[in-house]
Amino acid sequence: MGRLRRALARLVDAQQEALDATARGLDSGQADPEVNVQLLDANERLEEALVDVRDILEGASDDVRGVLEGEGGAPP
């Protein structure tokens, strides 16, 4: 039961980290379509946020797999 609680806690933490990363990317404000520099900056922030979300979720998946496979248990 402890492994499942640790796995669940890790997934909840990862979800919050992912939400925070998406908020950072989306909180970039509205870019003026006439100003290419603003569009490029907004695009860069969104791309960085997506990379952060991917890394967070991949890390959480690895952590949860390790927790669930730990202590001699077989993978689900």
Protein backbone atom coordinates (compact mmCIF):
# COMPACT_ATOMS: atom_id res chain seq x y z
CA MET A 1 0.00 0.00 0.00
CA GLY A 2 2.90 2.36 0.70
CA ARG A 3 4.21 2.01 -2.86
CA LEU A 4 0.84 2.99 -4.28
CA ARG A 5 0.65 6.03 -2.01
CA ARG A 6 4.13 7.14 -3.08
CA ALA A 7 3.21 6.59 -6.74
CA LEU A 8 -0.01 8.55 -6.35
CA ALA A 9 1.77 11.38 -4.51
CA ARG A 10 4.38 11.57 -7.28
CA LEU A 11 1.69 11.72 -9.97
CA VAL A 12 -0.17 14.48 -8.12
CA ASP A 13 3.08 16.45 -7.74
CA ALA A 14 3.86 15.98 -11.44
CA GLN A 15 0.39 17.13 -12.40
CA GLN A 16 0.86 20.33 -10.41
CA GLU A 17 4.33 20.91 -11.91
CA ALA A 18 2.88 20.40 -15.40
CA LEU A 19 0.05 22.82 -14.68
CA ASP A 20 2.54 25.40 -13.42
CA ALA A 21 4.67 24.98 -16.55
CA THR A 22 1.68 25.43 -18.84
CA ALA A 23 0.60 28.50 -16.89
CA ARG A 24 4.06 30.02 -17.37
CA GLY A 25 3.83 29.43 -21.10
CA LEU A 26 0.29 30.69 -21.43
CA ASP A 27 0.78 33.68 -19.13
CA SER A 28 2.88 35.37 -21.76
CA GLY A 29 0.16 37.89 -22.59
CA GLN A 30 -1.29 38.76 -25.96
CA ALA A 31 1.21 39.42 -28.71
CA ASP A 32 0.48 42.12 -31.29
CA PRO A 33 0.18 40.23 -34.61
CA GLU A 34 1.94 43.12 -36.33
CA VAL A 35 5.08 42.69 -34.27
CA ASN A 36 7.03 39.58 -35.27
CA VAL A 37 9.41 39.86 -32.32
CA GLN A 38 6.51 39.50 -29.89
CA LEU A 39 5.22 36.48 -31.79
CA LEU A 40 8.64 34.85 -31.76
CA ASP A 41 9.03 35.50 -28.03
CA ALA A 42 5.58 34.08 -27.29
CA ASN A 43 6.30 31.03 -29.43
CA GLU A 44 9.60 30.45 -27.64
CA ARG A 45 7.91 30.62 -24.22
CA LEU A 46 5.22 28.17 -25.30
CA GLU A 47 7.80 25.77 -26.71
CA GLU A 48 9.81 25.93 -23.48
CA ALA A 49 6.64 25.27 -21.48
CA LEU A 50 5.84 22.21 -23.58
CA VAL A 51 9.36 20.88 -23.11
CA ASP A 52 9.01 21.43 -19.36
CA VAL A 53 5.68 19.58 -19.29
CA ARG A 54 7.12 16.68 -21.27
CA ASP A 55 10.15 16.43 -18.98
CA ILE A 56 7.99 16.62 -15.84
CA LEU A 57 5.62 13.93 -17.03
CA GLU A 58 8.40 11.65 -18.28
CA GLY A 59 10.18 12.01 -14.94
CA ALA A 60 7.01 11.25 -13.03
CA SER A 61 6.36 8.19 -15.16
CA ASP A 62 9.88 6.91 -14.50
CA ASP A 63 9.50 7.59 -10.77
CA VAL A 64 6.15 5.82 -10.56
CA ARG A 65 7.44 2.84 -12.55
CA GLY A 66 10.36 2.60 -10.14
CA VAL A 67 8.07 2.78 -7.11
CA LEU A 68 5.69 0.17 -8.46
CA GLU A 69 8.49 -2.17 -9.59
CA GLY A 70 10.43 -1.68 -6.35
CA GLU A 71 10.39 -3.99 -3.40
CA GLY A 72 10.48 -7.06 -5.65
CA GLY A 73 7.12 -6.39 -7.26
CA ALA A 74 6.40 -7.16 -10.88
CA PRO A 75 5.49 -4.33 -13.25
CA PRO A 76 1.73 -3.74 -13.55
